[in-house]
Structures are given as structure tokens and as C-alpha cells.
Amino acid sequence: MFYVKNVPGWERVLRIVMGLVGLVFAAMNWGTAGLAVGVGLAGAMLAVTGLFGFCPMCAMVGRELDKGR
């Protein structure tokens, strides 16, 4: 594996749910609101980081999971 998971389980679920909400909002408002493109991209990013359990931004600031310390 090329990466170490740095997102805890509860946050992964939250990211997936919020990502899907963003994608649904973007799909419903695609032609009417310019904001829909940005929300759709952010939703896709959230969903992918939730599915993989790895967030590059969190890794850049040094976030790690507690392994029962």
C-alpha cells in the first residue's frame, strides 16, 4: 500500500455522506447555478477521500491516526 490511512472511521462516513449530498445538489442545480460546479467538485473530493481513508491535505499537515497509544 502506497499510503497510510489518516482519516478515522467516523470521519470517513461523514465525508462520504457529505460528498454524496454535494454531488446530489450539483446534479439538481447543474444548469441553473454557477455554484453547482464548485459544490460538485468539493463533493467528489470528499467522497473519494472518505472511500480511500486518506486525505492528502491532512497528510501535508502531519495528521496521523492514533493506533491505541
C-alpha atoms as a PDB file:
ATOM      1  CA  MET A   1       0.000   0.000   0.000  1.00  0.00           C
ATOM      2  CA  PHE A   2       1.389   3.395  -1.002  1.00  0.00           C
ATOM      3  CA  TYR A   3      -0.413   5.430   1.633  1.00  0.00           C
ATOM      4  CA  VAL A   4      -1.309   5.218   5.303  1.00  0.00           C
ATOM      5  CA  LYS A   5      -4.912   5.894   6.244  1.00  0.00           C
ATOM      6  CA  ASN A   6      -5.148   9.173   8.130  1.00  0.00           C
ATOM      7  CA  VAL A   7      -8.934   9.592   8.405  1.00  0.00           C
ATOM      8  CA  PRO A   8     -10.790   7.840  11.273  1.00  0.00           C
ATOM      9  CA  GLY A   9     -13.858   5.697  10.604  1.00  0.00           C
ATOM     10  CA  TRP A  10     -16.472   8.164  11.855  1.00  0.00           C
ATOM     11  CA  GLU A  11     -14.979  10.912   9.696  1.00  0.00           C
ATOM     12  CA  ARG A  12     -14.874   8.632   6.657  1.00  0.00           C
ATOM     13  CA  VAL A  13     -18.622   8.033   6.977  1.00  0.00           C
ATOM     14  CA  LEU A  14     -19.244  11.758   7.403  1.00  0.00           C
ATOM     15  CA  ARG A  15     -17.116  12.599   4.358  1.00  0.00           C
ATOM     16  CA  ILE A  16     -18.939  10.059   2.191  1.00  0.00           C
ATOM     17  CA  VAL A  17     -22.373  11.322   3.268  1.00  0.00           C
ATOM     18  CA  MET A  18     -21.475  14.996   2.803  1.00  0.00           C
ATOM     19  CA  GLY A  19     -19.808  14.224  -0.522  1.00  0.00           C
ATOM     20  CA  LEU A  20     -22.928  12.495  -1.800  1.00  0.00           C
ATOM     21  CA  VAL A  21     -25.083  15.412  -0.604  1.00  0.00           C
ATOM     22  CA  GLY A  22     -22.831  17.798  -2.532  1.00  0.00           C
ATOM     23  CA  LEU A  23     -22.988  15.666  -5.656  1.00  0.00           C
ATOM     24  CA  VAL A  24     -26.792  15.462  -5.480  1.00  0.00           C
ATOM     25  CA  PHE A  25     -27.007  19.245  -5.041  1.00  0.00           C
ATOM     26  CA  ALA A  26     -24.735  19.737  -8.036  1.00  0.00           C
ATOM     27  CA  ALA A  27     -26.753  17.333 -10.183  1.00  0.00           C
ATOM     28  CA  MET A  28     -30.029  19.037  -9.283  1.00  0.00           C
ATOM     29  CA  ASN A  29     -28.734  22.582  -9.957  1.00  0.00           C
ATOM     30  CA  TRP A  30     -26.213  21.992 -12.749  1.00  0.00           C
ATOM     31  CA  GLY A  31     -27.686  24.299 -15.367  1.00  0.00           C
ATOM     32  CA  THR A  32     -29.105  26.958 -13.065  1.00  0.00           C
ATOM     33  CA  ALA A  33     -26.428  27.813 -10.506  1.00  0.00           C
ATOM     34  CA  GLY A  34     -22.748  28.536 -11.088  1.00  0.00           C
ATOM     35  CA  LEU A  35     -22.101  27.363  -7.542  1.00  0.00           C
ATOM     36  CA  ALA A  36     -23.121  23.824  -8.527  1.00  0.00           C
ATOM     37  CA  VAL A  37     -19.809  23.139 -10.279  1.00  0.00           C
ATOM     38  CA  GLY A  38     -17.772  24.048  -7.197  1.00  0.00           C
ATOM     39  CA  VAL A  39     -20.040  22.126  -4.853  1.00  0.00           C
ATOM     40  CA  GLY A  40     -19.907  19.118  -7.179  1.00  0.00           C
ATOM     41  CA  LEU A  41     -16.106  19.124  -7.244  1.00  0.00           C
ATOM     42  CA  ALA A  42     -15.879  19.518  -3.475  1.00  0.00           C
ATOM     43  CA  GLY A  43     -18.429  16.742  -3.009  1.00  0.00           C
ATOM     44  CA  ALA A  44     -16.484  14.422  -5.294  1.00  0.00           C
ATOM     45  CA  MET A  45     -13.268  15.140  -3.374  1.00  0.00           C
ATOM     46  CA  LEU A  46     -14.951  14.488  -0.043  1.00  0.00           C
ATOM     47  CA  ALA A  47     -16.479  11.225  -1.241  1.00  0.00           C
ATOM     48  CA  VAL A  48     -13.174   9.943  -2.654  1.00  0.00           C
ATOM     49  CA  THR A  49     -11.169  10.798   0.476  1.00  0.00           C
ATOM     50  CA  GLY A  50     -13.850   9.098   2.554  1.00  0.00           C
ATOM     51  CA  LEU A  51     -13.782   5.955   0.416  1.00  0.00           C
ATOM     52  CA  PHE A  52      -9.984   5.641   0.469  1.00  0.00           C
ATOM     53  CA  GLY A  53      -9.485   6.833   4.059  1.00  0.00           C
ATOM     54  CA  PHE A  54      -6.614   9.059   3.017  1.00  0.00           C
ATOM     55  CA  CYS A  55      -6.669  12.842   2.790  1.00  0.00           C
ATOM     56  CA  PRO A  56      -3.634  14.483   1.127  1.00  0.00           C
ATOM     57  CA  MET A  57      -4.292  17.805   2.879  1.00  0.00           C
ATOM     58  CA  CYS A  58      -4.323  16.085   6.276  1.00  0.00           C
ATOM     59  CA  ALA A  59      -1.090  14.280   5.381  1.00  0.00           C
ATOM     60  CA  MET A  60       0.586  17.591   4.499  1.00  0.00           C
ATOM     61  CA  VAL A  61      -0.050  18.956   7.988  1.00  0.00           C
ATOM     62  CA  GLY A  62       1.136  15.721   9.613  1.00  0.00           C
ATOM     63  CA  ARG A  63      -2.158  14.208  10.754  1.00  0.00           C
ATOM     64  CA  GLU A  64      -1.943  10.553  11.784  1.00  0.00           C
ATOM     65  CA  LEU A  65      -4.394   8.095  13.314  1.00  0.00           C
ATOM     66  CA  ASP A  66      -3.915   7.113  16.934  1.00  0.00           C
ATOM     67  CA  LYS A  67      -3.081   3.420  16.945  1.00  0.00           C
ATOM     68  CA  GLY A  68      -4.090   2.899  20.591  1.00  0.00           C
ATOM     69  CA  ARG A  69      -1.341   4.971  22.181  1.00  0.00           C
END
